[in-house]
Amino acid sequence: MADKSLIGKETPPGEATASAEEIRAFCEAIGDVRPEDVAAEAAGGSSPLVPPTFPMRFLFDALDPDL
């Protein structure tokens, strides 16, 4: 359950870096593993595409680092 005391809370702007492993784990967790990403990586290509919901991970970290 979300902490309702966080509603309306603003966070300062910032930057974040995510590894391919973190992106892959997130994709697996939400069931968004794309076969073309797996094939590209197996062939030595790029890391997975980042789902549009991935930045929420950083928002939760900014609001409450203990989450």
Protein backbone atom coordinates (compact mmCIF):
# COMPACT_ATOMS: atom_id res chain seq x y z
CA MET A 1 0.00 0.00 0.00
CA ALA A 2 1.32 3.43 -0.89
CA ASP A 3 2.12 5.88 1.88
CA LYS A 4 -0.53 8.58 1.44
CA SER A 5 1.62 11.12 3.28
CA LEU A 6 3.80 11.22 0.15
CA ILE A 7 0.97 12.67 -1.97
CA GLY A 8 2.00 16.09 -3.23
CA LYS A 9 5.55 15.78 -1.96
CA GLU A 10 8.09 17.28 -4.36
CA THR A 11 11.56 15.98 -4.94
CA PRO A 12 14.56 17.95 -6.16
CA PRO A 13 15.75 17.42 -9.73
CA GLY A 14 18.51 14.91 -10.07
CA GLU A 15 20.29 12.41 -12.25
CA ALA A 16 20.46 8.65 -12.02
CA THR A 17 22.28 5.87 -13.79
CA ALA A 18 20.98 2.36 -14.28
CA SER A 19 22.91 -0.67 -15.44
CA ALA A 20 21.65 -3.06 -18.08
CA GLU A 21 21.26 -5.64 -15.31
CA GLU A 22 18.95 -3.32 -13.32
CA ILE A 23 16.85 -2.62 -16.41
CA ARG A 24 16.66 -6.31 -17.26
CA ALA A 25 15.61 -7.22 -13.69
CA PHE A 26 12.90 -4.53 -13.78
CA CYS A 27 11.63 -5.79 -17.14
CA GLU A 28 11.47 -9.34 -15.81
CA ALA A 29 9.68 -8.18 -12.65
CA ILE A 30 6.92 -6.47 -14.62
CA GLY A 31 6.72 -9.18 -17.29
CA ASP A 32 8.05 -6.92 -20.06
CA VAL A 33 10.85 -9.06 -21.47
CA ARG A 34 11.00 -8.49 -25.21
CA PRO A 35 12.41 -11.32 -27.36
CA GLU A 36 14.16 -8.79 -29.60
CA ASP A 37 16.06 -7.36 -26.59
CA VAL A 38 17.19 -10.84 -25.53
CA ALA A 39 18.31 -11.65 -29.09
CA ALA A 40 20.16 -8.33 -29.45
CA GLU A 41 22.06 -8.86 -26.20
CA ALA A 42 22.92 -12.45 -27.11
CA ALA A 43 24.42 -11.15 -30.36
CA GLY A 44 26.54 -8.62 -28.46
CA GLY A 45 24.20 -5.73 -29.16
CA SER A 46 22.67 -3.06 -27.00
CA SER A 47 21.07 -3.35 -23.60
CA PRO A 48 17.28 -3.66 -23.22
CA LEU A 49 14.95 -0.80 -24.00
CA VAL A 50 13.82 0.94 -20.84
CA PRO A 51 10.08 0.64 -20.11
CA PRO A 52 8.34 3.99 -19.54
CA THR A 53 7.57 3.02 -15.93
CA PHE A 54 11.25 2.44 -15.02
CA PRO A 55 11.89 6.03 -13.81
CA MET A 56 9.37 5.42 -11.02
CA ARG A 57 12.12 3.38 -9.37
CA PHE A 58 14.14 6.55 -8.86
CA LEU A 59 11.12 8.51 -7.66
CA PHE A 60 10.48 6.01 -4.88
CA ASP A 61 14.17 6.13 -3.90
CA ALA A 62 14.01 9.94 -3.73
CA LEU A 63 10.82 9.98 -1.65
CA ASP A 64 11.89 7.29 0.80
CA PRO A 65 15.32 5.67 0.57
CA ASP A 66 14.15 2.92 2.95
CA LEU A 67 11.55 1.55 0.50
